[in-house]
């Protein structure tokens, strides 16, 4: 999970763990990329779009797609103008609008992880 708001990162990561997922946490794209290099298997990247640093969530998603096409992507944002992944070459990366309900997040994550497992 990649989120620059610490409280949200901690809260949602804990929910994901409660639902049975192993979660790596990163406050920005650079740290997320560094963590990807340390693990053997990742099913899903759940990333905020607007983050500090050189890479936003769209750039991170493109980086992941280029190197790990099997990893599913779920993006999130609270900004209305950032809702067109197709403009960033990510037409199949869904966007979950903030604020989102935990039930909706749980369903989206489960669907994407299941889709990745079915393609493996």
PDB file of N, CA and C in Angstrom:
ATOM      1  N   UNK A   1       0.850  -1.167   0.000  1.00  0.00           N
ATOM      2  CA  UNK A   1       0.000   0.000   0.000  1.00  0.00           C
ATOM      3  C   UNK A   1       0.893   1.227   0.000  1.00  0.00           C
ATOM      4  N   UNK A   2       0.559   2.182  -0.878  1.00  0.00           N
ATOM      5  CA  UNK A   2       1.352   3.402  -1.012  1.00  0.00           C
ATOM      6  C   UNK A   2       0.428   4.588  -0.738  1.00  0.00           C
ATOM      7  N   UNK A   3       0.708   5.292   0.352  1.00  0.00           N
ATOM      8  CA  UNK A   3      -0.143   6.402   0.785  1.00  0.00           C
ATOM      9  C   UNK A   3       0.701   7.366   1.598  1.00  0.00           C
ATOM     10  N   UNK A   4       0.627   8.659   1.254  1.00  0.00           N
ATOM     11  CA  UNK A   4       1.453   9.643   1.953  1.00  0.00           C
ATOM     12  C   UNK A   4       0.806  10.197   3.218  1.00  0.00           C
ATOM     13  N   UNK A   5      -0.455   9.891   3.477  1.00  0.00           N
ATOM     14  CA  UNK A   5      -1.100  10.314   4.720  1.00  0.00           C
ATOM     15  C   UNK A   5      -0.906   9.201   5.748  1.00  0.00           C
ATOM     16  N   UNK A   6      -0.040   9.421   6.762  1.00  0.00           N
ATOM     17  CA  UNK A   6       0.331   8.351   7.687  1.00  0.00           C
ATOM     18  C   UNK A   6      -0.841   7.674   8.392  1.00  0.00           C
ATOM     19  N   UNK A   7      -1.816   8.448   8.841  1.00  0.00           N
ATOM     20  CA  UNK A   7      -2.942   7.850   9.564  1.00  0.00           C
ATOM     21  C   UNK A   7      -3.757   6.951   8.634  1.00  0.00           C
ATOM     22  N   UNK A   8      -3.987   7.412   7.430  1.00  0.00           N
ATOM     23  CA  UNK A   8      -4.733   6.609   6.461  1.00  0.00           C
ATOM     24  C   UNK A   8      -3.948   5.354   6.078  1.00  0.00           C
ATOM     25  N   UNK A   9      -2.654   5.496   5.864  1.00  0.00           N
ATOM     26  CA  UNK A   9      -1.800   4.350   5.544  1.00  0.00           C
ATOM     27  C   UNK A   9      -1.890   3.296   6.638  1.00  0.00           C
ATOM     28  N   UNK A  10      -1.730   3.718   7.871  1.00  0.00           N
ATOM     29  CA  UNK A  10      -1.761   2.786   9.001  1.00  0.00           C
ATOM     30  C   UNK A  10      -3.134   2.132   9.154  1.00  0.00           C
ATOM     31  N   UNK A  11      -4.183   2.932   9.042  1.00  0.00           N
ATOM     32  CA  UNK A  11      -5.543   2.427   9.237  1.00  0.00           C
ATOM     33  C   UNK A  11      -5.935   1.419   8.165  1.00  0.00           C
ATOM     34  N   UNK A  12      -5.722   1.773   6.907  1.00  0.00           N
ATOM     35  CA  UNK A  12      -6.127   0.881   5.817  1.00  0.00           C
ATOM     36  C   UNK A  12      -5.227  -0.353   5.761  1.00  0.00           C
ATOM     37  N   UNK A  13      -3.946  -0.191   6.017  1.00  0.00           N
ATOM     38  CA  UNK A  13      -3.048  -1.352   6.049  1.00  0.00           C
ATOM     39  C   UNK A  13      -3.495  -2.336   7.125  1.00  0.00           C
ATOM     40  N   UNK A  14      -3.911  -1.827   8.273  1.00  0.00           N
ATOM     41  CA  UNK A  14      -4.390  -2.695   9.350  1.00  0.00           C
ATOM     42  C   UNK A  14      -5.667  -3.423   8.932  1.00  0.00           C
ATOM     43  N   UNK A  15      -6.570  -2.735   8.253  1.00  0.00           N
ATOM     44  CA  UNK A  15      -7.786  -3.393   7.741  1.00  0.00           C
ATOM     45  C   UNK A  15      -7.420  -4.514   6.776  1.00  0.00           C
ATOM     46  N   UNK A  16      -6.517  -4.236   5.864  1.00  0.00           N
ATOM     47  CA  UNK A  16      -6.093  -5.255   4.900  1.00  0.00           C
ATOM     48  C   UNK A  16      -5.498  -6.467   5.612  1.00  0.00           C
ATOM     49  N   UNK A  17      -4.718  -6.224   6.642  1.00  0.00           N
ATOM     50  CA  UNK A  17      -4.152  -7.337   7.425  1.00  0.00           C
ATOM     51  C   UNK A  17      -5.267  -8.124   8.116  1.00  0.00           C
ATOM     52  N   UNK A  18      -6.239  -7.402   8.679  1.00  0.00           N
ATOM     53  CA  UNK A  18      -7.365  -8.073   9.330  1.00  0.00           C
ATOM     54  C   UNK A  18      -8.130  -8.959   8.354  1.00  0.00           C
ATOM     55  N   UNK A  19      -8.131  -8.582   7.072  1.00  0.00           N
ATOM     56  CA  UNK A  19      -8.822  -9.361   6.040  1.00  0.00           C
ATOM     57  C   UNK A  19      -7.952 -10.495   5.513  1.00  0.00           C
ATOM     58  N   UNK A  20      -6.750 -10.661   6.065  1.00  0.00           N
ATOM     59  CA  UNK A  20      -5.911 -11.795   5.711  1.00  0.00           C
ATOM     60  C   UNK A  20      -4.796 -11.537   4.721  1.00  0.00           C
ATOM     61  N   UNK A  21      -4.581 -10.285   4.358  1.00  0.00           N
ATOM     62  CA  UNK A  21      -3.528  -9.957   3.397  1.00  0.00           C
ATOM     63  C   UNK A  21      -2.230  -9.600   4.110  1.00  0.00           C
ATOM     64  N   UNK A  22      -1.119  -9.914   3.486  1.00  0.00           N
ATOM     65  CA  UNK A  22       0.185  -9.436   3.925  1.00  0.00           C
ATOM     66  C   UNK A  22       0.377  -8.082   3.264  1.00  0.00           C
ATOM     67  N   UNK A  23       0.742  -7.072   4.047  1.00  0.00           N
ATOM     68  CA  UNK A  23       0.786  -5.702   3.537  1.00  0.00           C
ATOM     69  C   UNK A  23       2.158  -5.085   3.768  1.00  0.00           C
ATOM     70  N   UNK A  24       2.714  -4.522   2.712  1.00  0.00           N
ATOM     71  CA  UNK A  24       3.900  -3.678   2.815  1.00  0.00           C
ATOM     72  C   UNK A  24       3.413  -2.243   2.732  1.00  0.00           C
ATOM     73  N   UNK A  25       3.998  -1.357   3.527  1.00  0.00           N
ATOM     74  CA  UNK A  25       3.569   0.038   3.566  1.00  0.00           C
ATOM     75  C   UNK A  25       4.686   0.946   3.074  1.00  0.00           C
ATOM     76  N   UNK A  26       4.305   1.910   2.240  1.00  0.00           N
ATOM     77  CA  UNK A  26       5.269   2.895   1.740  1.00  0.00           C
ATOM     78  C   UNK A  26       4.580   4.258   1.659  1.00  0.00           C
ATOM     79  N   UNK A  27       5.283   5.321   2.081  1.00  0.00           N
ATOM     80  CA  UNK A  27       4.697   6.663   2.035  1.00  0.00           C
ATOM     81  C   UNK A  27       4.843   7.357   0.685  1.00  0.00           C
ATOM     82  N   UNK A  28       5.582   6.727  -0.241  1.00  0.00           N
ATOM     83  CA  UNK A  28       5.768   7.339  -1.567  1.00  0.00           C
ATOM     84  C   UNK A  28       6.202   6.257  -2.559  1.00  0.00           C
ATOM     85  N   UNK A  29       6.225   6.634  -3.824  1.00  0.00           N
ATOM     86  CA  UNK A  29       6.541   5.676  -4.884  1.00  0.00           C
ATOM     87  C   UNK A  29       7.971   5.148  -4.797  1.00  0.00           C
ATOM     88  N   UNK A  30       8.903   6.009  -4.451  1.00  0.00           N
ATOM     89  CA  UNK A  30      10.306   5.593  -4.367  1.00  0.00           C
ATOM     90  C   UNK A  30      10.485   4.476  -3.346  1.00  0.00           C
ATOM     91  N   UNK A  31       9.867   4.624  -2.178  1.00  0.00           N
ATOM     92  CA  UNK A  31       9.969   3.572  -1.156  1.00  0.00           C
ATOM     93  C   UNK A  31       9.229   2.308  -1.582  1.00  0.00           C
ATOM     94  N   UNK A  32       8.120   2.469  -2.292  1.00  0.00           N
ATOM     95  CA  UNK A  32       7.387   1.302  -2.779  1.00  0.00           C
ATOM     96  C   UNK A  32       8.249   0.486  -3.743  1.00  0.00           C
ATOM     97  N   UNK A  33       8.931   1.165  -4.640  1.00  0.00           N
ATOM     98  CA  UNK A  33       9.812   0.486  -5.594  1.00  0.00           C
ATOM     99  C   UNK A  33      10.945  -0.229  -4.860  1.00  0.00           C
ATOM    100  N   UNK A  34      11.511   0.413  -3.855  1.00  0.00           N
ATOM    101  CA  UNK A  34      12.572  -0.219  -3.068  1.00  0.00           C
ATOM    102  C   UNK A  34      12.052  -1.478  -2.376  1.00  0.00           C
ATOM    103  N   UNK A  35      10.835  -1.430  -1.861  1.00  0.00           N
ATOM    104  CA  UNK A  35      10.268  -2.605  -1.196  1.00  0.00           C
ATOM    105  C   UNK A  35       9.965  -3.729  -2.181  1.00  0.00           C
ATOM    106  N   UNK A  36       9.536  -3.380  -3.380  1.00  0.00           N
ATOM    107  CA  UNK A  36       9.271  -4.413  -4.390  1.00  0.00           C
ATOM    108  C   UNK A  36      10.508  -5.256  -4.672  1.00  0.00           C
ATOM    109  N   UNK A  37      11.668  -4.637  -4.578  1.00  0.00           N
ATOM    110  CA  UNK A  37      12.920  -5.351  -4.841  1.00  0.00           C
ATOM    111  C   UNK A  37      13.261  -6.351  -3.740  1.00  0.00           C
ATOM    112  N   UNK A  38      12.593  -6.257  -2.589  1.00  0.00           N
ATOM    113  CA  UNK A  38      12.932  -7.109  -1.451  1.00  0.00           C
ATOM    114  C   UNK A  38      11.994  -8.296  -1.272  1.00  0.00           C
ATOM    115  N   UNK A  39      10.949  -8.376  -2.082  1.00  0.00           N
ATOM    116  CA  UNK A  39       9.973  -9.453  -1.915  1.00  0.00           C
ATOM    117  C   UNK A  39       9.855 -10.265  -3.197  1.00  0.00           C
ATOM    118  N   UNK A  40       9.454 -11.508  -3.032  1.00  0.00           N
ATOM    119  CA  UNK A  40       9.365 -12.407  -4.177  1.00  0.00           C
ATOM    120  C   UNK A  40       8.017 -12.320  -4.885  1.00  0.00           C
ATOM    121  N   UNK A  41       6.954 -12.046  -4.142  1.00  0.00           N
ATOM    122  CA  UNK A  41       5.612 -12.126  -4.723  1.00  0.00           C
ATOM    123  C   UNK A  41       4.740 -10.971  -4.229  1.00  0.00           C
ATOM    124  N   UNK A  42       4.128 -10.261  -5.159  1.00  0.00           N
ATOM    125  CA  UNK A  42       3.165  -9.205  -4.846  1.00  0.00           C
ATOM    126  C   UNK A  42       1.969  -9.403  -5.762  1.00  0.00           C
ATOM    127  N   UNK A  43       0.777  -9.435  -5.178  1.00  0.00           N
ATOM    128  CA  UNK A  43      -0.442  -9.579  -5.972  1.00  0.00           C
ATOM    129  C   UNK A  43      -0.980  -8.240  -6.454  1.00  0.00           C
ATOM    130  N   UNK A  44      -0.869  -7.212  -5.592  1.00  0.00           N
ATOM    131  CA  UNK A  44      -1.582  -5.968  -5.845  1.00  0.00           C
ATOM    132  C   UNK A  44      -0.816  -4.773  -5.294  1.00  0.00           C
ATOM    133  N   UNK A  45      -0.811  -3.689  -6.051  1.00  0.00           N
ATOM    134  CA  UNK A  45      -0.335  -2.392  -5.563  1.00  0.00           C
ATOM    135  C   UNK A  45      -1.576  -1.529  -5.383  1.00  0.00           C
ATOM    136  N   UNK A  46      -1.812  -1.060  -4.168  1.00  0.00           N
ATOM    137  CA  UNK A  46      -2.909  -0.128  -3.877  1.00  0.00           C
ATOM    138  C   UNK A  46      -2.245   1.203  -3.564  1.00  0.00           C
ATOM    139  N   UNK A  47      -2.401   2.168  -4.458  1.00  0.00           N
ATOM    140  CA  UNK A  47      -1.640   3.413  -4.346  1.00  0.00           C
ATOM    141  C   UNK A  47      -2.505   4.652  -4.505  1.00  0.00           C
ATOM    142  N   UNK A  48      -2.199   5.629  -3.676  1.00  0.00           N
ATOM    143  CA  UNK A  48      -2.752   6.965  -3.861  1.00  0.00           C
ATOM    144  C   UNK A  48      -2.175   7.513  -5.165  1.00  0.00           C
ATOM    145  N   UNK A  49      -2.908   8.381  -5.825  1.00  0.00           N
ATOM    146  CA  UNK A  49      -2.398   8.985  -7.057  1.00  0.00           C
ATOM    147  C   UNK A  49      -1.517  10.184  -6.746  1.00  0.00           C
ATOM    148  N   UNK A  50      -1.984  11.051  -5.908  1.00  0.00           N
ATOM    149  CA  UNK A  50      -1.249  12.287  -5.619  1.00  0.00           C
ATOM    150  C   UNK A  50      -0.359  12.083  -4.395  1.00  0.00           C
ATOM    151  N   UNK A  51       0.954  12.082  -4.644  1.00  0.00           N
ATOM    152  CA  UNK A  51       1.930  11.867  -3.575  1.00  0.00           C
ATOM    153  C   UNK A  51       3.123  12.783  -3.778  1.00  0.00           C
ATOM    154  N   UNK A  52       3.861  13.037  -2.708  1.00  0.00           N
ATOM    155  CA  UNK A  52       5.074  13.850  -2.861  1.00  0.00           C
ATOM    156  C   UNK A  52       6.167  13.056  -3.571  1.00  0.00           C
ATOM    157  N   UNK A  53       7.113  13.766  -4.113  1.00  0.00           N
ATOM    158  CA  UNK A  53       8.237  13.111  -4.774  1.00  0.00           C
ATOM    159  C   UNK A  53       8.131  13.200  -6.280  1.00  0.00           C
ATOM    160  N   UNK A  54       9.076  12.560  -6.948  1.00  0.00           N
ATOM    161  CA  UNK A  54       9.150  12.610  -8.414  1.00  0.00           C
ATOM    162  C   UNK A  54       8.032  11.836  -9.095  1.00  0.00           C
ATOM    163  N   UNK A  55       7.549  10.785  -8.452  1.00  0.00           N
ATOM    164  CA  UNK A  55       6.549   9.912  -9.076  1.00  0.00           C
ATOM    165  C   UNK A  55       5.212  10.014  -8.361  1.00  0.00           C
ATOM    166  N   UNK A  56       4.148  10.193  -9.140  1.00  0.00           N
ATOM    167  CA  UNK A  56       2.818  10.092  -8.556  1.00  0.00           C
ATOM    168  C   UNK A  56       2.337   8.644  -8.717  1.00  0.00           C
ATOM    169  N   UNK A  57       1.104   8.375  -8.338  1.00  0.00           N
ATOM    170  CA  UNK A  57       0.584   7.016  -8.423  1.00  0.00           C
ATOM    171  C   UNK A  57       0.497   6.482  -9.841  1.00  0.00           C
ATOM    172  N   UNK A  58       0.160   7.361 -10.804  1.00  0.00           N
ATOM    173  CA  UNK A  58       0.131   6.933 -12.203  1.00  0.00           C
ATOM    174  C   UNK A  58       1.523   6.508 -12.667  1.00  0.00           C
ATOM    175  N   UNK A  59       2.537   7.297 -12.333  1.00  0.00           N
ATOM    176  CA  UNK A  59       3.910   6.963 -12.734  1.00  0.00           C
ATOM    177  C   UNK A  59       4.360   5.661 -12.079  1.00  0.00           C
ATOM    178  N   UNK A  60       4.015   5.480 -10.811  1.00  0.00           N
ATOM    179  CA  UNK A  60       4.346   4.227 -10.130  1.00  0.00           C
ATOM    180  C   UNK A  60       3.668   3.053 -10.833  1.00  0.00           C
ATOM    181  N   UNK A  61       2.407   3.206 -11.159  1.00  0.00           N
ATOM    182  CA  UNK A  61       1.674   2.127 -11.827  1.00  0.00           C
ATOM    183  C   UNK A  61       2.299   1.782 -13.178  1.00  0.00           C
ATOM    184  N   UNK A  62       2.695   2.793 -13.934  1.00  0.00           N
ATOM    185  CA  UNK A  62       3.357   2.534 -15.222  1.00  0.00           C
ATOM    186  C   UNK A  62       4.689   1.818 -15.008  1.00  0.00           C
ATOM    187  N   UNK A  63       5.447   2.222 -13.988  1.00  0.00           N
ATOM    188  CA  UNK A  63       6.729   1.589 -13.675  1.00  0.00           C
ATOM    189  C   UNK A  63       6.500   0.112 -13.340  1.00  0.00           C
ATOM    190  N   UNK A  64       5.505  -0.147 -12.489  1.00  0.00           N
ATOM    191  CA  UNK A  64       5.203  -1.528 -12.100  1.00  0.00           C
ATOM    192  C   UNK A  64       4.773  -2.338 -13.318  1.00  0.00           C
ATOM    193  N   UNK A  65       3.883  -1.790 -14.133  1.00  0.00           N
ATOM    194  CA  UNK A  65       3.403  -2.492 -15.331  1.00  0.00           C
ATOM    195  C   UNK A  65       4.541  -2.866 -16.268  1.00  0.00           C
ATOM    196  N   UNK A  66       5.495  -1.969 -16.432  1.00  0.00           N
ATOM    197  CA  UNK A  66       6.609  -2.223 -17.349  1.00  0.00           C
ATOM    198  C   UNK A  66       7.510  -3.350 -16.856  1.00  0.00           C
ATOM    199  N   UNK A  67       7.624  -3.515 -15.557  1.00  0.00           N
ATOM    200  CA  UNK A  67       8.552  -4.493 -14.986  1.00  0.00           C
ATOM    201  C   UNK A  67       7.871  -5.727 -14.403  1.00  0.00           C
ATOM    202  N   UNK A  68       6.633  -5.572 -13.964  1.00  0.00           N
ATOM    203  CA  UNK A  68       5.895  -6.662 -13.316  1.00  0.00           C
ATOM    204  C   UNK A  68       4.452  -6.666 -13.825  1.00  0.00           C
ATOM    205  N   UNK A  69       4.232  -7.022 -15.075  1.00  0.00           N
ATOM    206  CA  UNK A  69       2.883  -6.925 -15.649  1.00  0.00           C
ATOM    207  C   UNK A  69       1.849  -7.810 -14.957  1.00  0.00           C
ATOM    208  N   UNK A  70       2.307  -8.782 -14.198  1.00  0.00           N
ATOM    209  CA  UNK A  70       1.379  -9.666 -13.496  1.00  0.00           C
ATOM    210  C   UNK A  70       0.760  -9.019 -12.256  1.00  0.00           C
ATOM    211  N   UNK A  71       1.355  -7.974 -11.742  1.00  0.00           N
ATOM    212  CA  UNK A  71       0.846  -7.311 -10.532  1.00  0.00           C
ATOM    213  C   UNK A  71      -0.355  -6.446 -10.896  1.00  0.00           C
ATOM    214  N   UNK A  72      -1.438  -6.637 -10.173  1.00  0.00           N
ATOM    215  CA  UNK A  72      -2.647  -5.839 -10.364  1.00  0.00           C
ATOM    216  C   UNK A  72      -2.451  -4.477  -9.698  1.00  0.00           C
ATOM    217  N   UNK A  73      -3.161  -3.462 -10.214  1.00  0.00           N
ATOM    218  CA  UNK A  73      -3.046  -2.091  -9.717  1.00  0.00           C
ATOM    219  C   UNK A  73      -4.427  -1.594  -9.313  1.00  0.00           C
ATOM    220  N   UNK A  74      -4.513  -0.974  -8.141  1.00  0.00           N
ATOM    221  CA  UNK A  74      -5.714  -0.260  -7.703  1.00  0.00           C
ATOM    222  C   UNK A  74      -5.254   1.110  -7.232  1.00  0.00           C
ATOM    223  N   UNK A  75      -5.801   2.148  -7.841  1.00  0.00           N
ATOM    224  CA  UNK A  75      -5.426   3.518  -7.498  1.00  0.00           C
ATOM    225  C   UNK A  75      -6.538   4.176  -6.693  1.00  0.00           C
ATOM    226  N   UNK A  76      -6.169   5.193  -5.924  1.00  0.00           N
ATOM    227  CA  UNK A  76      -7.154   5.931  -5.141  1.00  0.00           C
ATOM    228  C   UNK A  76      -6.805   7.411  -5.143  1.00  0.00           C
ATOM    229  N   UNK A  77      -7.830   8.237  -5.066  1.00  0.00           N
ATOM    230  CA  UNK A  77      -7.621   9.682  -5.002  1.00  0.00           C
ATOM    231  C   UNK A  77      -8.849  10.366  -4.428  1.00  0.00           C
ATOM    232  N   UNK A  78      -8.608  11.504  -3.834  1.00  0.00           N
ATOM    233  CA  UNK A  78      -9.691  12.355  -3.368  1.00  0.00           C
ATOM    234  C   UNK A  78      -9.867  13.567  -4.254  1.00  0.00           C
ATOM    235  N   UNK A  79      -9.105  13.627  -5.334  1.00  0.00           N
ATOM    236  CA  UNK A  79      -9.122  14.783  -6.233  1.00  0.00           C
ATOM    237  C   UNK A  79      -9.900  14.454  -7.498  1.00  0.00           C
ATOM    238  N   UNK A  80     -10.906  15.235  -7.767  1.00  0.00           N
ATOM    239  CA  UNK A  80     -11.807  15.004  -8.908  1.00  0.00           C
ATOM    240  C   UNK A  80     -11.079  14.963 -10.247  1.00  0.00           C
ATOM    241  N   UNK A  81     -10.102  15.816 -10.447  1.00  0.00           N
ATOM    242  CA  UNK A  81      -9.426  15.908 -11.737  1.00  0.00           C
ATOM    243  C   UNK A  81      -8.500  14.757 -12.056  1.00  0.00           C
ATOM    244  N   UNK A  82      -8.313  13.812 -11.147  1.00  0.00           N
ATOM    245  CA  UNK A  82      -7.374  12.702 -11.353  1.00  0.00           C
ATOM    246  C   UNK A  82      -8.102  11.380 -11.538  1.00  0.00           C
ATOM    247  N   UNK A  83      -9.154  11.379 -12.304  1.00  0.00           N
ATOM    248  CA  UNK A  83      -9.972  10.171 -12.391  1.00  0.00           C
ATOM    249  C   UNK A  83      -9.925   9.496 -13.754  1.00  0.00           C
ATOM    250  N   UNK A  84      -8.942   9.811 -14.588  1.00  0.00           N
ATOM    251  CA  UNK A  84      -8.882   9.243 -15.931  1.00  0.00           C
ATOM    252  C   UNK A  84      -7.585   8.461 -16.148  1.00  0.00           C
ATOM    253  N   UNK A  85      -7.541   7.213 -15.670  1.00  0.00           N
ATOM    254  CA  UNK A  85      -6.320   6.430 -15.860  1.00  0.00           C
ATOM    255  C   UNK A  85      -5.995   6.195 -17.326  1.00  0.00           C
ATOM    256  N   UNK A  86      -7.006   6.194 -18.192  1.00  0.00           N
ATOM    257  CA  UNK A  86      -6.730   5.972 -19.618  1.00  0.00           C
ATOM    258  C   UNK A  86      -5.866   7.080 -20.198  1.00  0.00           C
ATOM    259  N   UNK A  87      -5.933   8.286 -19.612  1.00  0.00           N
ATOM    260  CA  UNK A  87      -5.076   9.381 -20.069  1.00  0.00           C
ATOM    261  C   UNK A  87      -3.612   9.135 -19.713  1.00  0.00           C
ATOM    262  N   UNK A  88      -3.379   8.221 -18.789  1.00  0.00           N
ATOM    263  CA  UNK A  88      -2.018   7.913 -18.358  1.00  0.00           C
ATOM    264  C   UNK A  88      -1.552   6.552 -18.856  1.00  0.00           C
ATOM    265  N   UNK A  89      -2.284   5.978 -19.791  1.00  0.00           N
ATOM    266  CA  UNK A  89      -1.903   4.674 -20.317  1.00  0.00           C
ATOM    267  C   UNK A  89      -2.249   3.526 -19.398  1.00  0.00           C
ATOM    268  N   UNK A  90      -3.220   3.723 -18.513  1.00  0.00           N
ATOM    269  CA  UNK A  90      -3.589   2.701 -17.530  1.00  0.00           C
ATOM    270  C   UNK A  90      -5.087   2.429 -17.576  1.00  0.00           C
ATOM    271  N   UNK A  91      -5.604   2.139 -18.734  1.00  0.00           N
ATOM    272  CA  UNK A  91      -7.051   2.004 -18.901  1.00  0.00           C
ATOM    273  C   UNK A  91      -7.667   0.892 -18.063  1.00  0.00           C
ATOM    274  N   UNK A  92      -6.881  -0.101 -17.666  1.00  0.00           N
ATOM    275  CA  UNK A  92      -7.443  -1.198 -16.875  1.00  0.00           C
ATOM    276  C   UNK A  92      -7.133  -1.085 -15.382  1.00  0.00           C
ATOM    277  N   UNK A  93      -6.632   0.063 -14.933  1.00  0.00           N
ATOM    278  CA  UNK A  93      -6.352   0.267 -13.506  1.00  0.00           C
ATOM    279  C   UNK A  93      -7.524   1.029 -12.888  1.00  0.00           C
ATOM    280  N   UNK A  94      -8.339   0.346 -12.086  1.00  0.00           N
ATOM    281  CA  UNK A  94      -9.481   1.033 -11.491  1.00  0.00           C
ATOM    282  C   UNK A  94      -9.045   2.087 -10.475  1.00  0.00           C
ATOM    283  N   UNK A  95      -9.906   3.087 -10.306  1.00  0.00           N
ATOM    284  CA  UNK A  95      -9.664   4.138  -9.315  1.00  0.00           C
ATOM    285  C   UNK A  95     -10.783   4.096  -8.290  1.00  0.00           C
ATOM    286  N   UNK A  96     -10.396   4.041  -7.030  1.00  0.00           N
ATOM    287  CA  UNK A  96     -11.327   4.077  -5.912  1.00  0.00           C
ATOM    288  C   UNK A  96     -11.320   5.495  -5.359  1.00  0.00           C
ATOM    289  N   UNK A  97     -12.469   6.167  -5.417  1.00  0.00           N
ATOM    290  CA  UNK A  97     -12.556   7.561  -4.990  1.00  0.00           C
ATOM    291  C   UNK A  97     -12.593   7.658  -3.467  1.00  0.00           C
ATOM    292  N   UNK A  98     -11.790   8.576  -2.920  1.00  0.00           N
ATOM    293  CA  UNK A  98     -11.830   8.879  -1.488  1.00  0.00           C
ATOM    294  C   UNK A  98     -12.935   9.904  -1.251  1.00  0.00           C
ATOM    295  N   UNK A  99     -13.625   9.823  -0.158  1.00  0.00           N
ATOM    296  CA  UNK A  99     -13.559   8.742   0.835  1.00  0.00           C
ATOM    297  C   UNK A  99     -14.302   7.504   0.321  1.00  0.00           C
ATOM    298  N   UNK A 100     -13.769   6.348   0.633  1.00  0.00           N
ATOM    299  CA  UNK A 100     -14.397   5.104   0.199  1.00  0.00           C
ATOM    300  C   UNK A 100     -14.836   4.313   1.421  1.00  0.00           C
ATOM    301  N   UNK A 101     -15.818   3.464   1.207  1.00  0.00           N
ATOM    302  CA  UNK A 101     -16.290   2.590   2.272  1.00  0.00           C
ATOM    303  C   UNK A 101     -15.387   1.363   2.331  1.00  0.00           C
ATOM    304  N   UNK A 102     -15.134   0.883   3.539  1.00  0.00           N
ATOM    305  CA  UNK A 102     -14.248  -0.272   3.698  1.00  0.00           C
ATOM    306  C   UNK A 102     -14.782  -1.503   2.972  1.00  0.00           C
ATOM    307  N   UNK A 103     -16.090  -1.668   2.949  1.00  0.00           N
ATOM    308  CA  UNK A 103     -16.676  -2.805   2.238  1.00  0.00           C
ATOM    309  C   UNK A 103     -16.378  -2.770   0.749  1.00  0.00           C
ATOM    310  N   UNK A 104     -16.407  -1.577   0.176  1.00  0.00           N
ATOM    311  CA  UNK A 104     -16.089  -1.417  -1.245  1.00  0.00           C
ATOM    312  C   UNK A 104     -14.613  -1.734  -1.483  1.00  0.00           C
ATOM    313  N   UNK A 105     -13.743  -1.230  -0.612  1.00  0.00           N
ATOM    314  CA  UNK A 105     -12.312  -1.528  -0.731  1.00  0.00           C
ATOM    315  C   UNK A 105     -12.073  -3.032  -0.641  1.00  0.00           C
ATOM    316  N   UNK A 106     -12.695  -3.666   0.332  1.00  0.00           N
ATOM    317  CA  UNK A 106     -12.499  -5.104   0.526  1.00  0.00           C
ATOM    318  C   UNK A 106     -12.897  -5.887  -0.727  1.00  0.00           C
ATOM    319  N   UNK A 107     -14.028  -5.517  -1.321  1.00  0.00           N
ATOM    320  CA  UNK A 107     -14.492  -6.193  -2.529  1.00  0.00           C
ATOM    321  C   UNK A 107     -13.546  -5.958  -3.699  1.00  0.00           C
ATOM    322  N   UNK A 108     -13.123  -4.715  -3.889  1.00  0.00           N
ATOM    323  CA  UNK A 108     -12.211  -4.394  -5.001  1.00  0.00           C
ATOM    324  C   UNK A 108     -10.903  -5.162  -4.876  1.00  0.00           C
ATOM    325  N   UNK A 109     -10.328  -5.154  -3.673  1.00  0.00           N
ATOM    326  CA  UNK A 109      -9.057  -5.849  -3.454  1.00  0.00           C
ATOM    327  C   UNK A 109      -9.228  -7.344  -3.714  1.00  0.00           C
ATOM    328  N   UNK A 110     -10.274  -7.935  -3.154  1.00  0.00           N
ATOM    329  CA  UNK A 110     -10.503  -9.373  -3.342  1.00  0.00           C
ATOM    330  C   UNK A 110     -10.674  -9.715  -4.820  1.00  0.00           C
ATOM    331  N   UNK A 111     -11.434  -8.899  -5.542  1.00  0.00           N
ATOM    332  CA  UNK A 111     -11.642  -9.146  -6.972  1.00  0.00           C
ATOM    333  C   UNK A 111     -10.332  -9.079  -7.751  1.00  0.00           C
ATOM    334  N   UNK A 112      -9.514  -8.071  -7.462  1.00  0.00           N
ATOM    335  CA  UNK A 112      -8.252  -7.908  -8.189  1.00  0.00           C
ATOM    336  C   UNK A 112      -7.249  -9.008  -7.853  1.00  0.00           C
ATOM    337  N   UNK A 113      -7.188  -9.403  -6.592  1.00  0.00           N
ATOM    338  CA  UNK A 113      -6.281 -10.485  -6.196  1.00  0.00           C
ATOM    339  C   UNK A 113      -6.736 -11.798  -6.834  1.00  0.00           C
ATOM    340  N   UNK A 114      -8.047 -12.030  -6.862  1.00  0.00           N
ATOM    341  CA  UNK A 114      -8.576 -13.238  -7.490  1.00  0.00           C
ATOM    342  C   UNK A 114      -8.284 -13.232  -8.995  1.00  0.00           C
ATOM    343  N   UNK A 115      -8.427 -12.089  -9.639  1.00  0.00           N
ATOM    344  CA  UNK A 115      -8.134 -11.966 -11.064  1.00  0.00           C
ATOM    345  C   UNK A 115      -6.666 -12.273 -11.341  1.00  0.00           C
ATOM    346  N   UNK A 116      -5.780 -11.764 -10.489  1.00  0.00           N
ATOM    347  CA  UNK A 116      -4.344 -12.027 -10.660  1.00  0.00           C
ATOM    348  C   UNK A 116      -4.065 -13.508 -10.489  1.00  0.00           C
ATOM    349  N   UNK A 117      -4.687 -14.139  -9.481  1.00  0.00           N
ATOM    350  CA  UNK A 117      -4.479 -15.565  -9.236  1.00  0.00           C
ATOM    351  C   UNK A 117      -4.979 -16.404 -10.406  1.00  0.00           C
ATOM    352  N   UNK A 118      -6.095 -15.991 -10.997  1.00  0.00           N
ATOM    353  CA  UNK A 118      -6.658 -16.726 -12.131  1.00  0.00           C
ATOM    354  C   UNK A 118      -5.760 -16.645 -13.356  1.00  0.00           C
ATOM    355  N   UNK A 119      -5.017 -15.553 -13.498  1.00  0.00           N
ATOM    356  CA  UNK A 119      -4.131 -15.374 -14.655  1.00  0.00           C
ATOM    357  C   UNK A 119      -2.766 -16.012 -14.453  1.00  0.00           C
ATOM    358  N   UNK A 120      -2.439 -16.383 -13.217  1.00  0.00           N
ATOM    359  CA  UNK A 120      -1.113 -16.961 -12.934  1.00  0.00           C
ATOM    360  C   UNK A 120      -1.030 -18.406 -13.372  1.00  0.00           C
TER     361      UNK A 120
END
